[in-house]
Structures are given as C-alpha cells and as structure tokens.
Amino acid sequence: MPAAPTTIDEYIAACPEAVRSALAGIRDAVRRVLPDAEERIRYGMPAIMFDGRNAIHFAAWKKHIGLYPIYRSDDPIQAEIEPYRDGKDGVKFRLDRPVPYDLVERVVRMLAAHHGAGR
C-alpha cells in the first residue's frame, strides 16, 4: 500500500492525471488570496491554513473535487455557491465541468475575512 501523502504536491501527484490540473487550479486560486499561508495535509486532504488553526480543505473524489468547510452566511456570494452546495458545509465541483476558479477565490476571500486572515 502506498504511503499517505505528506505534502500537497504529493497529494496532487498521486491523483489521476485528468484531476491534477483541477486540483492545481484550486490550490492556485486559494494561494492568490492567501499567498503566505501554510500548507498541510489534514484529515488526509490538502489544507491551506488561515490562522494556524482554521483551514480550507480540498480533495479529489471519483466524480468531483470537494472544498470544505464552506459555511453558510448572509454574504451575497451564497447564491453563487448554492448550485455547488453539498450538505451543510461543503461544495462539489464535478470533474466533467470546468471548475469556477474565480468563485473559489471569492469564497476564500470571504472565509479569510471571516477568520481575520490574509491581511
């Protein structure tokens, strides 16, 4: 059994080739908002830290990429997130459709503001 990835680069490299560019695109979108944030593997998935405690996670699944946690709020962006909503605190970007990287950036900006990060 292969070793569990210990870095985001290892995580992306272990995924099917068709998924790698979408994962890298999500990582890049998050990094544009949080360029100095620490990267980790938490709960077996990539995490980019807001403040050393809170993070945004993303993970590849069979038919989608998940982004977690995306809390509900009164922010107007919620209407744009809703078509991707999966359960209470996550969103799913289907692998058979383009990932809305601009939306990912705006969601991360909203979450960073909530956590007081990226200032």
N, C-alpha and C. Protein backbone atom coordinates (compact mmCIF):
# COMPACT_ATOMS: atom_id res chain seq x y z
N MET A 1 0.85 -1.18 0.00
CA MET A 1 0.00 0.00 0.00
C MET A 1 0.90 1.24 0.00
N PRO A 2 0.62 2.22 -0.89
CA PRO A 2 1.47 3.42 -0.94
C PRO A 2 1.32 4.26 0.33
N ALA A 3 2.39 4.97 0.65
CA ALA A 3 2.37 5.84 1.83
C ALA A 3 1.40 7.00 1.59
N ALA A 4 0.78 7.45 2.66
CA ALA A 4 -0.12 8.60 2.57
C ALA A 4 0.71 9.84 2.25
N PRO A 5 0.17 10.72 1.42
CA PRO A 5 0.92 11.93 1.08
C PRO A 5 1.15 12.80 2.31
N THR A 6 2.29 13.45 2.33
CA THR A 6 2.61 14.35 3.44
C THR A 6 2.65 15.81 2.99
N THR A 7 2.55 16.05 1.68
CA THR A 7 2.52 17.41 1.15
C THR A 7 1.41 17.51 0.11
N ILE A 8 1.03 18.73 -0.19
CA ILE A 8 0.02 18.92 -1.23
C ILE A 8 0.56 18.48 -2.59
N ASP A 9 1.83 18.72 -2.85
CA ASP A 9 2.43 18.26 -4.11
C ASP A 9 2.31 16.75 -4.24
N GLU A 10 2.60 16.02 -3.17
CA GLU A 10 2.47 14.56 -3.20
C GLU A 10 1.02 14.13 -3.41
N TYR A 11 0.09 14.82 -2.76
CA TYR A 11 -1.33 14.50 -2.90
C TYR A 11 -1.75 14.65 -4.36
N ILE A 12 -1.41 15.79 -4.97
CA ILE A 12 -1.80 16.05 -6.36
C ILE A 12 -1.15 15.03 -7.28
N ALA A 13 0.14 14.75 -7.08
CA ALA A 13 0.86 13.80 -7.93
C ALA A 13 0.26 12.39 -7.86
N ALA A 14 -0.35 12.03 -6.74
CA ALA A 14 -0.92 10.69 -6.58
C ALA A 14 -2.30 10.55 -7.22
N CYS A 15 -2.87 11.65 -7.66
CA CYS A 15 -4.21 11.62 -8.27
C CYS A 15 -4.12 11.31 -9.75
N PRO A 16 -5.22 10.84 -10.33
CA PRO A 16 -5.23 10.59 -11.77
C PRO A 16 -4.87 11.86 -12.54
N GLU A 17 -4.19 11.69 -13.64
CA GLU A 17 -3.71 12.81 -14.43
C GLU A 17 -4.83 13.79 -14.79
N ALA A 18 -6.01 13.28 -15.11
CA ALA A 18 -7.13 14.13 -15.52
C ALA A 18 -7.61 15.05 -14.39
N VAL A 19 -7.28 14.73 -13.16
CA VAL A 19 -7.74 15.50 -12.00
C VAL A 19 -6.68 16.51 -11.53
N ARG A 20 -5.44 16.25 -11.85
CA ARG A 20 -4.34 17.06 -11.33
C ARG A 20 -4.47 18.54 -11.66
N SER A 21 -4.84 18.86 -12.89
CA SER A 21 -4.91 20.28 -13.25
C SER A 21 -6.02 21.00 -12.48
N ALA A 22 -7.13 20.33 -12.23
CA ALA A 22 -8.21 20.95 -11.46
C ALA A 22 -7.76 21.18 -10.01
N LEU A 23 -7.08 20.20 -9.42
CA LEU A 23 -6.57 20.37 -8.06
C LEU A 23 -5.55 21.50 -8.00
N ALA A 24 -4.65 21.53 -8.97
CA ALA A 24 -3.64 22.59 -9.00
C ALA A 24 -4.31 23.95 -9.19
N GLY A 25 -5.36 24.01 -9.99
CA GLY A 25 -6.08 25.26 -10.19
C GLY A 25 -6.76 25.76 -8.93
N ILE A 26 -7.33 24.84 -8.16
CA ILE A 26 -7.95 25.22 -6.88
C ILE A 26 -6.87 25.69 -5.91
N ARG A 27 -5.79 24.96 -5.85
CA ARG A 27 -4.68 25.38 -4.98
C ARG A 27 -4.20 26.78 -5.37
N ASP A 28 -4.02 27.02 -6.66
CA ASP A 28 -3.56 28.33 -7.13
C ASP A 28 -4.57 29.43 -6.78
N ALA A 29 -5.85 29.14 -6.91
CA ALA A 29 -6.89 30.13 -6.58
C ALA A 29 -6.82 30.49 -5.10
N VAL A 30 -6.64 29.49 -4.25
CA VAL A 30 -6.54 29.75 -2.82
C VAL A 30 -5.26 30.55 -2.52
N ARG A 31 -4.16 30.18 -3.17
CA ARG A 31 -2.87 30.85 -2.94
C ARG A 31 -2.89 32.31 -3.42
N ARG A 32 -3.69 32.62 -4.43
CA ARG A 32 -3.79 34.01 -4.87
C ARG A 32 -4.37 34.89 -3.77
N VAL A 33 -5.25 34.33 -2.97
CA VAL A 33 -5.86 35.06 -1.86
C VAL A 33 -4.98 35.00 -0.61
N LEU A 34 -4.36 33.86 -0.38
CA LEU A 34 -3.55 33.63 0.83
C LEU A 34 -2.13 33.21 0.44
N PRO A 35 -1.37 34.11 -0.17
CA PRO A 35 -0.06 33.70 -0.71
C PRO A 35 0.95 33.22 0.33
N ASP A 36 0.83 33.67 1.56
CA ASP A 36 1.80 33.30 2.58
C ASP A 36 1.29 32.24 3.55
N ALA A 37 0.11 31.71 3.29
CA ALA A 37 -0.48 30.74 4.21
C ALA A 37 0.27 29.41 4.18
N GLU A 38 0.27 28.76 5.32
CA GLU A 38 0.91 27.45 5.46
C GLU A 38 0.06 26.38 4.78
N GLU A 39 0.73 25.44 4.13
CA GLU A 39 0.06 24.29 3.52
C GLU A 39 0.32 23.06 4.37
N ARG A 40 -0.71 22.23 4.51
CA ARG A 40 -0.60 20.97 5.28
C ARG A 40 -1.48 19.91 4.63
N ILE A 41 -1.28 18.70 5.08
CA ILE A 41 -2.25 17.63 4.82
C ILE A 41 -2.95 17.43 6.17
N ARG A 42 -4.27 17.61 6.17
CA ARG A 42 -5.08 17.41 7.38
C ARG A 42 -6.25 16.53 6.99
N TYR A 43 -6.57 15.58 7.85
CA TYR A 43 -7.67 14.65 7.57
C TYR A 43 -7.48 13.95 6.22
N GLY A 44 -6.23 13.78 5.81
CA GLY A 44 -5.91 13.09 4.58
C GLY A 44 -6.10 13.89 3.31
N MET A 45 -6.32 15.20 3.45
CA MET A 45 -6.54 16.04 2.27
C MET A 45 -5.75 17.35 2.39
N PRO A 46 -5.50 18.01 1.25
CA PRO A 46 -4.80 19.28 1.28
C PRO A 46 -5.57 20.32 2.10
N ALA A 47 -4.81 21.09 2.85
CA ALA A 47 -5.38 22.17 3.66
C ALA A 47 -4.46 23.38 3.55
N ILE A 48 -5.05 24.53 3.36
CA ILE A 48 -4.30 25.78 3.39
C ILE A 48 -4.84 26.55 4.58
N MET A 49 -3.93 26.88 5.49
CA MET A 49 -4.30 27.41 6.80
C MET A 49 -4.60 28.91 6.73
N PHE A 50 -5.61 29.33 7.46
CA PHE A 50 -5.93 30.74 7.58
C PHE A 50 -5.13 31.37 8.71
N ASP A 51 -5.10 30.70 9.84
CA ASP A 51 -4.52 31.30 11.04
C ASP A 51 -3.82 30.25 11.91
N GLY A 52 -3.38 29.17 11.29
CA GLY A 52 -2.74 28.10 12.05
C GLY A 52 -3.71 27.12 12.67
N ARG A 53 -4.97 27.49 12.70
CA ARG A 53 -6.00 26.65 13.31
C ARG A 53 -7.08 26.31 12.31
N ASN A 54 -7.58 27.31 11.63
CA ASN A 54 -8.65 27.11 10.65
C ASN A 54 -8.05 26.99 9.25
N ALA A 55 -8.72 26.21 8.42
CA ALA A 55 -8.18 25.95 7.09
C ALA A 55 -9.29 25.78 6.08
N ILE A 56 -8.91 25.89 4.82
CA ILE A 56 -9.80 25.48 3.74
C ILE A 56 -9.17 24.21 3.17
N HIS A 57 -9.98 23.17 3.05
CA HIS A 57 -9.53 21.87 2.56
C HIS A 57 -10.10 21.64 1.17
N PHE A 58 -9.37 20.86 0.38
CA PHE A 58 -9.91 20.41 -0.90
C PHE A 58 -9.45 18.98 -1.13
N ALA A 59 -10.28 18.23 -1.84
CA ALA A 59 -9.97 16.82 -2.02
C ALA A 59 -10.58 16.30 -3.31
N ALA A 60 -9.88 15.37 -3.93
CA ALA A 60 -10.36 14.72 -5.15
C ALA A 60 -11.14 13.47 -4.79
N TRP A 61 -12.27 13.32 -5.43
CA TRP A 61 -13.10 12.14 -5.28
C TRP A 61 -13.32 11.55 -6.66
N LYS A 62 -14.08 10.51 -6.75
CA LYS A 62 -14.25 9.80 -8.02
C LYS A 62 -14.84 10.70 -9.11
N LYS A 63 -15.85 11.50 -8.77
CA LYS A 63 -16.54 12.30 -9.79
C LYS A 63 -16.52 13.81 -9.51
N HIS A 64 -15.85 14.21 -8.44
CA HIS A 64 -15.85 15.64 -8.11
C HIS A 64 -14.63 16.00 -7.27
N ILE A 65 -14.46 17.31 -7.10
CA ILE A 65 -13.50 17.84 -6.14
C ILE A 65 -14.32 18.57 -5.09
N GLY A 66 -14.05 18.26 -3.84
CA GLY A 66 -14.76 18.91 -2.74
C GLY A 66 -13.93 20.03 -2.15
N LEU A 67 -14.62 21.05 -1.66
CA LEU A 67 -14.00 22.19 -0.99
C LEU A 67 -14.72 22.36 0.33
N TYR A 68 -13.95 22.40 1.44
CA TYR A 68 -14.55 22.36 2.77
C TYR A 68 -13.79 23.28 3.74
N PRO A 69 -14.33 23.72 4.81
CA PRO A 69 -15.76 23.94 5.00
C PRO A 69 -16.15 25.28 4.38
N ILE A 70 -17.28 25.28 3.75
CA ILE A 70 -17.84 26.50 3.16
C ILE A 70 -19.14 26.76 3.92
N TYR A 71 -19.02 27.51 4.99
CA TYR A 71 -20.15 27.77 5.87
C TYR A 71 -21.20 28.64 5.17
N ARG A 72 -22.41 28.46 5.59
CA ARG A 72 -23.49 29.34 5.12
C ARG A 72 -23.41 30.65 5.88
N SER A 73 -23.73 31.73 5.17
CA SER A 73 -23.70 33.05 5.81
C SER A 73 -24.72 33.94 5.09
N ASP A 74 -24.76 35.18 5.51
CA ASP A 74 -25.64 36.15 4.86
C ASP A 74 -24.96 36.84 3.68
N ASP A 75 -23.73 36.47 3.40
CA ASP A 75 -22.98 37.09 2.31
C ASP A 75 -23.70 36.83 0.98
N PRO A 76 -23.78 37.82 0.10
CA PRO A 76 -24.45 37.64 -1.19
C PRO A 76 -23.85 36.53 -2.06
N ILE A 77 -22.61 36.15 -1.81
CA ILE A 77 -21.98 35.10 -2.60
C ILE A 77 -22.67 33.75 -2.42
N GLN A 78 -23.47 33.61 -1.37
CA GLN A 78 -24.14 32.34 -1.10
C GLN A 78 -25.00 31.88 -2.27
N ALA A 79 -25.62 32.82 -2.97
CA ALA A 79 -26.45 32.45 -4.12
C ALA A 79 -25.60 31.81 -5.22
N GLU A 80 -24.36 32.24 -5.37
CA GLU A 80 -23.47 31.65 -6.38
C GLU A 80 -22.93 30.30 -5.94
N ILE A 81 -22.79 30.12 -4.64
CA ILE A 81 -22.28 28.86 -4.10
C ILE A 81 -23.35 27.77 -4.15
N GLU A 82 -24.59 28.16 -4.00
CA GLU A 82 -25.69 27.20 -3.82
C GLU A 82 -25.73 26.08 -4.86
N PRO A 83 -25.52 26.35 -6.16
CA PRO A 83 -25.57 25.23 -7.13
C PRO A 83 -24.51 24.15 -6.89
N TYR A 84 -23.47 24.49 -6.16
CA TYR A 84 -22.39 23.55 -5.88
C TYR A 84 -22.49 22.95 -4.47
N ARG A 85 -23.43 23.42 -3.71
CA ARG A 85 -23.55 23.03 -2.30
C ARG A 85 -23.78 21.54 -2.17
N ASP A 86 -23.08 20.94 -1.21
CA ASP A 86 -23.26 19.52 -0.90
C ASP A 86 -23.33 19.40 0.61
N GLY A 87 -24.50 19.23 1.10
CA GLY A 87 -24.64 19.14 2.54
C GLY A 87 -24.46 20.49 3.19
N LYS A 88 -24.16 20.45 4.44
CA LYS A 88 -24.13 21.67 5.24
C LYS A 88 -22.91 22.55 4.96
N ASP A 89 -21.72 21.97 4.92
CA ASP A 89 -20.51 22.79 4.89
C ASP A 89 -19.55 22.50 3.74
N GLY A 90 -20.02 21.94 2.68
CA GLY A 90 -19.11 21.64 1.58
C GLY A 90 -19.70 22.01 0.23
N VAL A 91 -18.82 22.08 -0.76
CA VAL A 91 -19.25 22.26 -2.14
C VAL A 91 -18.55 21.20 -2.99
N LYS A 92 -19.21 20.85 -4.09
CA LYS A 92 -18.67 19.87 -5.02
C LYS A 92 -18.54 20.50 -6.39
N PHE A 93 -17.36 20.36 -6.98
CA PHE A 93 -17.15 20.76 -8.37
C PHE A 93 -16.99 19.49 -9.17
N ARG A 94 -17.97 19.23 -10.03
CA ARG A 94 -17.96 17.99 -10.82
C ARG A 94 -16.77 17.98 -11.76
N LEU A 95 -16.17 16.83 -11.93
CA LEU A 95 -15.00 16.69 -12.78
C LEU A 95 -15.32 16.78 -14.27
N ASP A 96 -16.59 16.62 -14.63
CA ASP A 96 -16.96 16.72 -16.04
C ASP A 96 -17.36 18.13 -16.45
N ARG A 97 -17.12 19.10 -15.57
CA ARG A 97 -17.42 20.50 -15.85
C ARG A 97 -16.23 21.37 -15.42
N PRO A 98 -16.10 22.55 -16.03
CA PRO A 98 -15.00 23.44 -15.60
C PRO A 98 -15.17 23.90 -14.16
N VAL A 99 -14.06 23.97 -13.44
CA VAL A 99 -14.08 24.46 -12.06
C VAL A 99 -14.16 25.99 -12.12
N PRO A 100 -15.06 26.61 -11.36
CA PRO A 100 -15.15 28.07 -11.35
C PRO A 100 -14.09 28.68 -10.41
N TYR A 101 -12.87 28.78 -10.91
CA TYR A 101 -11.76 29.24 -10.07
C TYR A 101 -11.98 30.64 -9.52
N ASP A 102 -12.66 31.50 -10.29
CA ASP A 102 -12.95 32.85 -9.80
C ASP A 102 -13.87 32.78 -8.57
N LEU A 103 -14.82 31.86 -8.59
CA LEU A 103 -15.70 31.68 -7.44
C LEU A 103 -14.91 31.14 -6.24
N VAL A 104 -14.00 30.22 -6.49
CA VAL A 104 -13.16 29.68 -5.42
C VAL A 104 -12.40 30.83 -4.75
N GLU A 105 -11.81 31.71 -5.54
CA GLU A 105 -11.07 32.85 -4.98
C GLU A 105 -11.97 33.73 -4.12
N ARG A 106 -13.16 34.03 -4.61
CA ARG A 106 -14.08 34.89 -3.86
C ARG A 106 -14.55 34.22 -2.57
N VAL A 107 -14.76 32.92 -2.62
CA VAL A 107 -15.15 32.18 -1.41
C VAL A 107 -14.01 32.22 -0.39
N VAL A 108 -12.79 32.02 -0.85
CA VAL A 108 -11.64 32.05 0.06
C VAL A 108 -11.48 33.46 0.65
N ARG A 109 -11.71 34.48 -0.17
CA ARG A 109 -11.64 35.86 0.35
C ARG A 109 -12.66 36.07 1.47
N MET A 110 -13.88 35.57 1.24
CA MET A 110 -14.93 35.69 2.24
C MET A 110 -14.53 34.96 3.53
N LEU A 111 -14.03 33.73 3.40
CA LEU A 111 -13.64 32.95 4.56
C LEU A 111 -12.43 33.57 5.28
N ALA A 112 -11.47 34.09 4.51
CA ALA A 112 -10.30 34.73 5.11
C ALA A 112 -10.73 35.94 5.92
N ALA A 113 -11.66 36.72 5.39
CA ALA A 113 -12.16 37.88 6.12
C ALA A 113 -12.84 37.43 7.41
N HIS A 114 -13.60 36.36 7.32
CA HIS A 114 -14.28 35.82 8.50
C HIS A 114 -13.27 35.40 9.58
N HIS A 115 -12.16 34.80 9.14
CA HIS A 115 -11.15 34.32 10.08
C HIS A 115 -10.10 35.37 10.41
N GLY A 116 -10.19 36.54 9.77
CA GLY A 116 -9.22 37.59 10.04
C GLY A 116 -7.85 37.30 9.44
N ALA A 117 -7.83 36.51 8.36
CA ALA A 117 -6.56 36.14 7.73
C ALA A 117 -6.36 36.93 6.45
N GLY A 118 -5.16 36.83 5.91
CA GLY A 118 -4.86 37.43 4.63
C GLY A 118 -4.76 38.94 4.67
N ARG A 119 -4.59 39.50 5.86
CA ARG A 119 -4.48 40.97 5.97
C ARG A 119 -3.08 41.42 5.80
